[in-house]
PDB file of N, CA and C in Angstrom:
ATOM      1  N   ILE A   1      22.994  -3.140  26.897  1.00  0.00           N
ATOM      2  CA  ILE A   1      22.841  -2.098  25.883  1.00  0.00           C
ATOM      3  C   ILE A   1      21.469  -2.265  25.242  1.00  0.00           C
ATOM      4  N   LEU A   2      20.789  -1.172  25.144  1.00  0.00           N
ATOM      5  CA  LEU A   2      19.476  -1.147  24.500  1.00  0.00           C
ATOM      6  C   LEU A   2      19.661  -0.744  23.039  1.00  0.00           C
ATOM      7  N   ARG A   3      19.135  -1.556  22.133  1.00  0.00           N
ATOM      8  CA  ARG A   3      19.269  -1.275  20.698  1.00  0.00           C
ATOM      9  C   ARG A   3      17.893  -1.254  20.050  1.00  0.00           C
ATOM     10  N   ASP A   4      17.760  -0.368  19.083  1.00  0.00           N
ATOM     11  CA  ASP A   4      16.515  -0.264  18.329  1.00  0.00           C
ATOM     12  C   ASP A   4      16.511  -1.314  17.219  1.00  0.00           C
ATOM     13  N   LYS A   5      15.347  -1.830  16.878  1.00  0.00           N
ATOM     14  CA  LYS A   5      15.233  -2.758  15.762  1.00  0.00           C
ATOM     15  C   LYS A   5      15.451  -2.000  14.461  1.00  0.00           C
ATOM     16  N   GLU A   6      16.103  -2.625  13.522  1.00  0.00           N
ATOM     17  CA  GLU A   6      16.345  -2.006  12.219  1.00  0.00           C
ATOM     18  C   GLU A   6      15.175  -2.271  11.283  1.00  0.00           C
ATOM     19  N   SER A   7      14.751  -1.241  10.571  1.00  0.00           N
ATOM     20  CA  SER A   7      13.734  -1.396   9.527  1.00  0.00           C
ATOM     21  C   SER A   7      14.455  -1.734   8.226  1.00  0.00           C
ATOM     22  N   ASP A   8      14.080  -2.843   7.625  1.00  0.00           N
ATOM     23  CA  ASP A   8      14.725  -3.286   6.398  1.00  0.00           C
ATOM     24  C   ASP A   8      13.787  -3.050   5.220  1.00  0.00           C
ATOM     25  N   PHE A   9      14.159  -2.101   4.370  1.00  0.00           N
ATOM     26  CA  PHE A   9      13.344  -1.763   3.203  1.00  0.00           C
ATOM     27  C   PHE A   9      13.847  -2.435   1.934  1.00  0.00           C
ATOM     28  N   SER A  10      14.863  -3.275   2.036  1.00  0.00           N
ATOM     29  CA  SER A  10      15.448  -3.863   0.830  1.00  0.00           C
ATOM     30  C   SER A  10      14.483  -4.789   0.087  1.00  0.00           C
ATOM     31  N   ASN A  11      13.564  -5.424   0.793  1.00  0.00           N
ATOM     32  CA  ASN A  11      12.603  -6.320   0.142  1.00  0.00           C
ATOM     33  C   ASN A  11      11.196  -5.737   0.072  1.00  0.00           C
ATOM     34  N   PHE A  12      11.066  -4.448   0.349  1.00  0.00           N
ATOM     35  CA  PHE A  12       9.748  -3.815   0.337  1.00  0.00           C
ATOM     36  C   PHE A  12       9.418  -3.367  -1.083  1.00  0.00           C
ATOM     37  N   LYS A  13       8.623  -4.167  -1.772  1.00  0.00           N
ATOM     38  CA  LYS A  13       8.211  -3.867  -3.141  1.00  0.00           C
ATOM     39  C   LYS A  13       6.720  -4.156  -3.254  1.00  0.00           C
ATOM     40  N   PRO A  14       5.882  -3.123  -3.165  1.00  0.00           N
ATOM     41  CA  PRO A  14       4.434  -3.344  -3.257  1.00  0.00           C
ATOM     42  C   PRO A  14       4.032  -3.938  -4.601  1.00  0.00           C
ATOM     43  N   ASN A  15       3.005  -4.766  -4.576  1.00  0.00           N
ATOM     44  CA  ASN A  15       2.438  -5.286  -5.818  1.00  0.00           C
ATOM     45  C   ASN A  15       1.930  -4.126  -6.655  1.00  0.00           C
ATOM     46  N   ASN A  16       1.810  -4.331  -7.950  1.00  0.00           N
ATOM     47  CA  ASN A  16       1.348  -3.236  -8.795  1.00  0.00           C
ATOM     48  C   ASN A  16       0.080  -3.570  -9.586  1.00  0.00           C
ATOM     49  N   VAL A  17      -0.537  -4.722  -9.295  1.00  0.00           N
ATOM     50  CA  VAL A  17      -1.788  -5.072  -9.972  1.00  0.00           C
ATOM     51  C   VAL A  17      -2.589  -6.008  -9.067  1.00  0.00           C
ATOM     52  N   PHE A  18      -3.909  -5.867  -9.115  1.00  0.00           N
ATOM     53  CA  PHE A  18      -4.771  -6.862  -8.481  1.00  0.00           C
ATOM     54  C   PHE A  18      -6.050  -6.982  -9.290  1.00  0.00           C
ATOM     55  N   THR A  19      -6.741  -8.113  -9.093  1.00  0.00           N
ATOM     56  CA  THR A  19      -7.866  -8.467  -9.959  1.00  0.00           C
ATOM     57  C   THR A  19      -9.111  -8.801  -9.128  1.00  0.00           C
ATOM     58  N   PRO A  20      -9.817  -7.790  -8.644  1.00  0.00           N
ATOM     59  CA  PRO A  20     -11.009  -8.043  -7.826  1.00  0.00           C
ATOM     60  C   PRO A  20     -12.221  -8.429  -8.681  1.00  0.00           C
ATOM     61  N   ASN A  21     -12.171  -9.627  -9.270  1.00  0.00           N
ATOM     62  CA  ASN A  21     -13.210 -10.040 -10.211  1.00  0.00           C
ATOM     63  C   ASN A  21     -14.082 -11.186  -9.688  1.00  0.00           C
ATOM     64  N   GLY A  22     -13.940 -11.521  -8.409  1.00  0.00           N
ATOM     65  CA  GLY A  22     -14.790 -12.546  -7.824  1.00  0.00           C
ATOM     66  C   GLY A  22     -14.305 -13.974  -7.971  1.00  0.00           C
ATOM     67  N   ASP A  23     -13.106 -14.183  -8.510  1.00  0.00           N
ATOM     68  CA  ASP A  23     -12.620 -15.555  -8.704  1.00  0.00           C
ATOM     69  C   ASP A  23     -11.834 -16.092  -7.499  1.00  0.00           C
ATOM     70  N   ARG A  24     -11.781 -15.364  -6.420  1.00  0.00           N
ATOM     71  CA  ARG A  24     -11.101 -15.711  -5.160  1.00  0.00           C
ATOM     72  C   ARG A  24      -9.580 -15.619  -5.226  1.00  0.00           C
ATOM     73  N   PHE A  25      -9.009 -15.185  -6.328  1.00  0.00           N
ATOM     74  CA  PHE A  25      -7.568 -15.037  -6.455  1.00  0.00           C
ATOM     75  C   PHE A  25      -7.213 -13.573  -6.644  1.00  0.00           C
ATOM     76  N   ASN A  26      -6.255 -13.085  -5.863  1.00  0.00           N
ATOM     77  CA  ASN A  26      -5.757 -11.717  -6.017  1.00  0.00           C
ATOM     78  C   ASN A  26      -6.884 -10.690  -5.912  1.00  0.00           C
ATOM     79  N   GLN A  27      -7.795 -10.886  -4.971  1.00  0.00           N
ATOM     80  CA  GLN A  27      -8.997 -10.056  -4.820  1.00  0.00           C
ATOM     81  C   GLN A  27      -8.732  -8.709  -4.176  1.00  0.00           C
ATOM     82  N   TYR A  28      -7.630  -8.583  -3.420  1.00  0.00           N
ATOM     83  CA  TYR A  28      -7.361  -7.375  -2.649  1.00  0.00           C
ATOM     84  C   TYR A  28      -5.954  -6.861  -2.924  1.00  0.00           C
ATOM     85  N   PHE A  29      -5.812  -5.562  -2.714  1.00  0.00           N
ATOM     86  CA  PHE A  29      -4.476  -4.973  -2.663  1.00  0.00           C
ATOM     87  C   PHE A  29      -4.133  -4.831  -1.189  1.00  0.00           C
ATOM     88  N   SER A  30      -3.012  -5.407  -0.803  1.00  0.00           N
ATOM     89  CA  SER A  30      -2.546  -5.304   0.577  1.00  0.00           C
ATOM     90  C   SER A  30      -1.027  -5.329   0.569  1.00  0.00           C
ATOM     91  N   LEU A  31      -0.453  -4.978   1.701  1.00  0.00           N
ATOM     92  CA  LEU A  31       1.001  -4.974   1.836  1.00  0.00           C
ATOM     93  C   LEU A  31       1.393  -5.972   2.916  1.00  0.00           C
ATOM     94  N   ASP A  32       2.006  -7.056   2.507  1.00  0.00           N
ATOM     95  CA  ASP A  32       2.382  -8.100   3.453  1.00  0.00           C
ATOM     96  C   ASP A  32       3.769  -7.908   4.044  1.00  0.00           C
ATOM     97  N   ASN A  33       4.577  -7.087   3.428  1.00  0.00           N
ATOM     98  CA  ASN A  33       5.976  -6.985   3.842  1.00  0.00           C
ATOM     99  C   ASN A  33       6.366  -5.580   4.297  1.00  0.00           C
ATOM    100  N   ILE A  34       5.467  -4.903   5.007  1.00  0.00           N
ATOM    101  CA  ILE A  34       5.793  -3.570   5.524  1.00  0.00           C
ATOM    102  C   ILE A  34       6.883  -3.714   6.574  1.00  0.00           C
ATOM    103  N   PRO A  35       7.980  -2.971   6.432  1.00  0.00           N
ATOM    104  CA  PRO A  35       9.052  -3.053   7.434  1.00  0.00           C
ATOM    105  C   PRO A  35       8.542  -2.691   8.827  1.00  0.00           C
ATOM    106  N   ILE A  36       9.188  -3.260   9.832  1.00  0.00           N
ATOM    107  CA  ILE A  36       8.778  -3.011  11.208  1.00  0.00           C
ATOM    108  C   ILE A  36       9.012  -1.553  11.597  1.00  0.00           C
ATOM    109  N   ASP A  37       8.214  -1.069  12.534  1.00  0.00           N
ATOM    110  CA  ASP A  37       8.417   0.267  13.086  1.00  0.00           C
ATOM    111  C   ASP A  37       9.583   0.230  14.074  1.00  0.00           C
ATOM    112  N   ASN A  38      10.250   1.354  14.192  1.00  0.00           N
ATOM    113  CA  ASN A  38      11.243   1.530  15.240  1.00  0.00           C
ATOM    114  C   ASN A  38      11.200   2.981  15.680  1.00  0.00           C
ATOM    115  N   CYS A  39      12.163   3.435  16.409  1.00  0.00           N
ATOM    116  CA  CYS A  39      12.143   4.813  16.917  1.00  0.00           C
ATOM    117  C   CYS A  39      12.265   5.860  15.811  1.00  0.00           C
ATOM    118  N   LYS A  40      12.917   5.522  14.703  1.00  0.00           N
ATOM    119  CA  LYS A  40      13.134   6.477  13.621  1.00  0.00           C
ATOM    120  C   LYS A  40      12.067   6.409  12.535  1.00  0.00           C
ATOM    121  N   ILE A  41      11.589   5.216  12.237  1.00  0.00           N
ATOM    122  CA  ILE A  41      10.693   5.020  11.103  1.00  0.00           C
ATOM    123  C   ILE A  41       9.421   4.320  11.569  1.00  0.00           C
ATOM    124  N   LYS A  42       8.282   4.962  11.324  1.00  0.00           N
ATOM    125  CA  LYS A  42       6.990   4.379  11.666  1.00  0.00           C
ATOM    126  C   LYS A  42       6.057   4.465  10.459  1.00  0.00           C
ATOM    127  N   TYR A  43       5.307   3.408  10.253  1.00  0.00           N
ATOM    128  CA  TYR A  43       4.298   3.380   9.189  1.00  0.00           C
ATOM    129  C   TYR A  43       3.148   4.293   9.593  1.00  0.00           C
ATOM    130  N   ARG A  44       2.731   5.198   8.664  1.00  0.00           N
ATOM    131  CA  ARG A  44       1.629   6.116   8.969  1.00  0.00           C
ATOM    132  C   ARG A  44       0.391   5.873   8.121  1.00  0.00           C
ATOM    133  N   GLY A  45       0.513   5.148   7.021  1.00  0.00           N
ATOM    134  CA  GLY A  45      -0.677   4.854   6.242  1.00  0.00           C
ATOM    135  C   GLY A  45      -0.433   4.834   4.751  1.00  0.00           C
ATOM    136  N   ILE A  46      -1.496   4.445   4.049  1.00  0.00           N
ATOM    137  CA  ILE A  46      -1.466   4.405   2.590  1.00  0.00           C
ATOM    138  C   ILE A  46      -2.645   5.203   2.054  1.00  0.00           C
ATOM    139  N   THR A  47      -2.392   5.963   1.015  1.00  0.00           N
ATOM    140  CA  THR A  47      -3.433   6.707   0.313  1.00  0.00           C
ATOM    141  C   THR A  47      -3.372   6.293  -1.150  1.00  0.00           C
ATOM    142  N   ILE A  48      -4.540   6.083  -1.747  1.00  0.00           N
ATOM    143  CA  ILE A  48      -4.623   5.726  -3.156  1.00  0.00           C
ATOM    144  C   ILE A  48      -5.426   6.797  -3.868  1.00  0.00           C
ATOM    145  N   TYR A  49      -4.922   7.215  -5.032  1.00  0.00           N
ATOM    146  CA  TYR A  49      -5.528   8.291  -5.812  1.00  0.00           C
ATOM    147  C   TYR A  49      -5.904   7.785  -7.195  1.00  0.00           C
ATOM    148  N   ASN A  50      -6.914   8.423  -7.789  1.00  0.00           N
ATOM    149  CA  ASN A  50      -7.237   8.110  -9.183  1.00  0.00           C
ATOM    150  C   ASN A  50      -6.372   8.971 -10.099  1.00  0.00           C
ATOM    151  N   ARG A  51      -6.579   8.852 -11.392  1.00  0.00           N
ATOM    152  CA  ARG A  51      -5.709   9.562 -12.337  1.00  0.00           C
ATOM    153  C   ARG A  51      -5.882  11.069 -12.317  1.00  0.00           C
ATOM    154  N   TRP A  52      -6.930  11.561 -11.687  1.00  0.00           N
ATOM    155  CA  TRP A  52      -7.143  13.003 -11.549  1.00  0.00           C
ATOM    156  C   TRP A  52      -6.618  13.529 -10.219  1.00  0.00           C
ATOM    157  N   GLY A  53      -5.996  12.671  -9.452  1.00  0.00           N
ATOM    158  CA  GLY A  53      -5.428  13.087  -8.174  1.00  0.00           C
ATOM    159  C   GLY A  53      -6.418  13.110  -7.025  1.00  0.00           C
ATOM    160  N   GLU A  54      -7.606  12.544  -7.230  1.00  0.00           N
ATOM    161  CA  GLU A  54      -8.599  12.500  -6.158  1.00  0.00           C
ATOM    162  C   GLU A  54      -8.349  11.288  -5.280  1.00  0.00           C
ATOM    163  N   LYS A  55      -8.401  11.484  -3.968  1.00  0.00           N
ATOM    164  CA  LYS A  55      -8.201  10.381  -3.034  1.00  0.00           C
ATOM    165  C   LYS A  55      -9.387   9.434  -3.117  1.00  0.00           C
ATOM    166  N   VAL A  56      -9.104   8.145  -3.360  1.00  0.00           N
ATOM    167  CA  VAL A  56     -10.165   7.141  -3.431  1.00  0.00           C
ATOM    168  C   VAL A  56     -10.092   6.149  -2.280  1.00  0.00           C
ATOM    169  N   TYR A  57      -8.975   6.157  -1.536  1.00  0.00           N
ATOM    170  CA  TYR A  57      -8.837   5.231  -0.417  1.00  0.00           C
ATOM    171  C   TYR A  57      -7.739   5.719   0.514  1.00  0.00           C
ATOM    172  N   PHE A  58      -7.961   5.521   1.810  1.00  0.00           N
ATOM    173  CA  PHE A  58      -6.924   5.773   2.813  1.00  0.00           C
ATOM    174  C   PHE A  58      -7.073   4.762   3.940  1.00  0.00           C
ATOM    175  N   SER A  59      -5.959   4.277   4.434  1.00  0.00           N
ATOM    176  CA  SER A  59      -5.967   3.429   5.628  1.00  0.00           C
ATOM    177  C   SER A  59      -4.687   3.660   6.428  1.00  0.00           C
ATOM    178  N   PRO A  60      -4.828   3.875   7.733  1.00  0.00           N
ATOM    179  CA  PRO A  60      -3.647   3.973   8.591  1.00  0.00           C
ATOM    180  C   PRO A  60      -3.199   2.606   9.113  1.00  0.00           C
ATOM    181  N   HIS A  61      -3.909   1.556   8.758  1.00  0.00           N
ATOM    182  CA  HIS A  61      -3.652   0.225   9.302  1.00  0.00           C
ATOM    183  C   HIS A  61      -2.705  -0.581   8.421  1.00  0.00           C
ATOM    184  N   ARG A  62      -1.802  -1.296   9.046  1.00  0.00           N
ATOM    185  CA  ARG A  62      -0.855  -2.158   8.328  1.00  0.00           C
ATOM    186  C   ARG A  62      -1.546  -3.335   7.659  1.00  0.00           C
ATOM    187  N   ASP A  63      -2.615  -3.810   8.228  1.00  0.00           N
ATOM    188  CA  ASP A  63      -3.273  -5.022   7.730  1.00  0.00           C
ATOM    189  C   ASP A  63      -4.477  -4.714   6.828  1.00  0.00           C
ATOM    190  N   PHE A  64      -4.458  -3.548   6.173  1.00  0.00           N
ATOM    191  CA  PHE A  64      -5.565  -3.176   5.298  1.00  0.00           C
ATOM    192  C   PHE A  64      -5.694  -4.164   4.135  1.00  0.00           C
ATOM    193  N   LYS A  65      -6.895  -4.248   3.597  1.00  0.00           N
ATOM    194  CA  LYS A  65      -7.164  -4.999   2.366  1.00  0.00           C
ATOM    195  C   LYS A  65      -8.119  -4.140   1.552  1.00  0.00           C
ATOM    196  N   TRP A  66      -7.642  -3.616   0.451  1.00  0.00           N
ATOM    197  CA  TRP A  66      -8.471  -2.765  -0.400  1.00  0.00           C
ATOM    198  C   TRP A  66      -9.021  -3.594  -1.543  1.00  0.00           C
ATOM    199  N   ASP A  67     -10.337  -3.580  -1.701  1.00  0.00           N
ATOM    200  CA  ASP A  67     -10.977  -4.386  -2.738  1.00  0.00           C
ATOM    201  C   ASP A  67     -11.266  -3.604  -4.016  1.00  0.00           C
ATOM    202  N   GLY A  68     -10.823  -2.374  -4.095  1.00  0.00           N
ATOM    203  CA  GLY A  68     -11.024  -1.559  -5.291  1.00  0.00           C
ATOM    204  C   GLY A  68     -12.289  -0.739  -5.267  1.00  0.00           C
ATOM    205  N   ASP A  69     -13.144  -0.942  -4.250  1.00  0.00           N
ATOM    206  CA  ASP A  69     -14.357  -0.136  -4.074  1.00  0.00           C
ATOM    207  C   ASP A  69     -15.211  -0.016  -5.335  1.00  0.00           C
ATOM    208  N   ASN A  70     -15.251  -1.062  -6.147  1.00  0.00           N
ATOM    209  CA  ASN A  70     -16.020  -1.049  -7.406  1.00  0.00           C
ATOM    210  C   ASN A  70     -15.597   0.057  -8.367  1.00  0.00           C
ATOM    211  N   LEU A  71     -14.359   0.489  -8.260  1.00  0.00           N
ATOM    212  CA  LEU A  71     -13.838   1.490  -9.191  1.00  0.00           C
ATOM    213  C   LEU A  71     -13.538   0.833 -10.531  1.00  0.00           C
ATOM    214  N   ALA A  72     -13.445   1.646 -11.549  1.00  0.00           N
ATOM    215  CA  ALA A  72     -13.200   1.152 -12.909  1.00  0.00           C
ATOM    216  C   ALA A  72     -11.805   0.560 -13.052  1.00  0.00           C
ATOM    217  N   ASN A  73     -11.657  -0.326 -14.019  1.00  0.00           N
ATOM    218  CA  ASN A  73     -10.326  -0.802 -14.392  1.00  0.00           C
ATOM    219  C   ASN A  73      -9.453   0.398 -14.693  1.00  0.00           C
ATOM    220  N   GLY A  74      -8.183   0.264 -14.422  1.00  0.00           N
ATOM    221  CA  GLY A  74      -7.272   1.340 -14.778  1.00  0.00           C
ATOM    222  C   GLY A  74      -6.115   1.447 -13.817  1.00  0.00           C
ATOM    223  N   VAL A  75      -5.361   2.517 -13.991  1.00  0.00           N
ATOM    224  CA  VAL A  75      -4.176   2.773 -13.185  1.00  0.00           C
ATOM    225  C   VAL A  75      -4.521   3.760 -12.082  1.00  0.00           C
ATOM    226  N   TYR A  76      -4.092   3.433 -10.881  1.00  0.00           N
ATOM    227  CA  TYR A  76      -4.255   4.286  -9.709  1.00  0.00           C
ATOM    228  C   TYR A  76      -2.866   4.512  -9.126  1.00  0.00           C
ATOM    229  N   TYR A  77      -2.752   5.459  -8.238  1.00  0.00           N
ATOM    230  CA  TYR A  77      -1.452   5.841  -7.689  1.00  0.00           C
ATOM    231  C   TYR A  77      -1.482   5.684  -6.175  1.00  0.00           C
ATOM    232  N   TYR A  78      -0.454   5.065  -5.620  1.00  0.00           N
ATOM    233  CA  TYR A  78      -0.397   4.918  -4.171  1.00  0.00           C
ATOM    234  C   TYR A  78       0.714   5.781  -3.595  1.00  0.00           C
ATOM    235  N   ASP A  79       0.507   6.172  -2.351  1.00  0.00           N
ATOM    236  CA  ASP A  79       1.488   6.919  -1.575  1.00  0.00           C
ATOM    237  C   ASP A  79       1.537   6.250  -0.202  1.00  0.00           C
ATOM    238  N   ILE A  80       2.618   5.540   0.078  1.00  0.00           N
ATOM    239  CA  ILE A  80       2.791   4.851   1.350  1.00  0.00           C
ATOM    240  C   ILE A  80       3.682   5.729   2.211  1.00  0.00           C
ATOM    241  N   ASP A  81       3.142   6.144   3.345  1.00  0.00           N
ATOM    242  CA  ASP A  81       3.786   7.152   4.177  1.00  0.00           C
ATOM    243  C   ASP A  81       4.412   6.531   5.429  1.00  0.00           C
ATOM    244  N   PHE A  82       5.698   6.769   5.574  1.00  0.00           N
ATOM    245  CA  PHE A  82       6.426   6.461   6.797  1.00  0.00           C
ATOM    246  C   PHE A  82       6.915   7.793   7.354  1.00  0.00           C
ATOM    247  N   THR A  83       7.284   7.842   8.620  1.00  0.00           N
ATOM    248  CA  THR A  83       7.687   9.111   9.208  1.00  0.00           C
ATOM    249  C   THR A  83       8.900   9.732   8.523  1.00  0.00           C
ATOM    250  N   SER A  84       9.772   8.939   7.950  1.00  0.00           N
ATOM    251  CA  SER A  84      10.971   9.517   7.350  1.00  0.00           C
ATOM    252  C   SER A  84      11.164   9.189   5.873  1.00  0.00           C
ATOM    253  N   ARG A  85      10.175   8.553   5.256  1.00  0.00           N
ATOM    254  CA  ARG A  85      10.270   8.274   3.819  1.00  0.00           C
ATOM    255  C   ARG A  85       8.887   7.975   3.265  1.00  0.00           C
ATOM    256  N   ARG A  86       8.787   8.064   1.950  1.00  0.00           N
ATOM    257  CA  ARG A  86       7.534   7.773   1.249  1.00  0.00           C
ATOM    258  C   ARG A  86       7.833   6.870   0.069  1.00  0.00           C
ATOM    259  N   TYR A  87       6.863   6.032  -0.234  1.00  0.00           N
ATOM    260  CA  TYR A  87       6.936   5.190  -1.412  1.00  0.00           C
ATOM    261  C   TYR A  87       5.748   5.539  -2.286  1.00  0.00           C
ATOM    262  N   LYS A  88       6.016   5.885  -3.531  1.00  0.00           N
ATOM    263  CA  LYS A  88       4.960   6.227  -4.474  1.00  0.00           C
ATOM    264  C   LYS A  88       5.083   5.328  -5.692  1.00  0.00           C
ATOM    265  N   GLY A  89       3.932   4.970  -6.242  1.00  0.00           N
ATOM    266  CA  GLY A  89       3.961   4.127  -7.417  1.00  0.00           C
ATOM    267  C   GLY A  89       2.579   3.963  -8.006  1.00  0.00           C
ATOM    268  N   THR A  90       2.497   3.096  -8.993  1.00  0.00           N
ATOM    269  CA  THR A  90       1.221   2.850  -9.666  1.00  0.00           C
ATOM    270  C   THR A  90       0.667   1.485  -9.285  1.00  0.00           C
ATOM    271  N   LEU A  91      -0.632   1.391  -9.401  1.00  0.00           N
ATOM    272  CA  LEU A  91      -1.368   0.179  -9.075  1.00  0.00           C
ATOM    273  C   LEU A  91      -2.489   0.032 -10.097  1.00  0.00           C
ATOM    274  N   SER A  92      -2.589  -1.124 -10.727  1.00  0.00           N
ATOM    275  CA  SER A  92      -3.619  -1.350 -11.738  1.00  0.00           C
ATOM    276  C   SER A  92      -4.712  -2.259 -11.198  1.00  0.00           C
ATOM    277  N   ILE A  93      -5.947  -1.889 -11.504  1.00  0.00           N
ATOM    278  CA  ILE A  93      -7.097  -2.752 -11.225  1.00  0.00           C
ATOM    279  C   ILE A  93      -7.505  -3.374 -12.547  1.00  0.00           C
ATOM    280  N   ILE A  94      -7.574  -4.712 -12.565  1.00  0.00           N
ATOM    281  CA  ILE A  94      -8.033  -5.436 -13.743  1.00  0.00           C
ATOM    282  C   ILE A  94      -9.118  -6.384 -13.276  1.00  0.00           C
ATOM    283  N   ARG A  95     -10.319  -6.202 -13.791  1.00  0.00           N
ATOM    284  CA  ARG A  95     -11.439  -7.049 -13.378  1.00  0.00           C
ATOM    285  C   ARG A  95     -11.708  -8.127 -14.412  1.00  0.00           C
TER     286      ARG A  95
END
């Protein structure tokens, strides 16, 4: 019997703050626990927006590392896209 791998979203909780201030700690925003792809659910990418809704970052790669692109401290919004679901939330940059 051929079975598809199950995607487990129960532990998928993106971080909500990072501190790209040059101290070598918490320098990037990344997702270490993206659920595996299967026939029903595939990771398509992450988009980050500023408070005016302008796209400031996009990556289709699972292993992305966003350093904040020298953007100002503040709250940004992420949209993590899978083929059958989306995760939206806030992300703070503190330098």
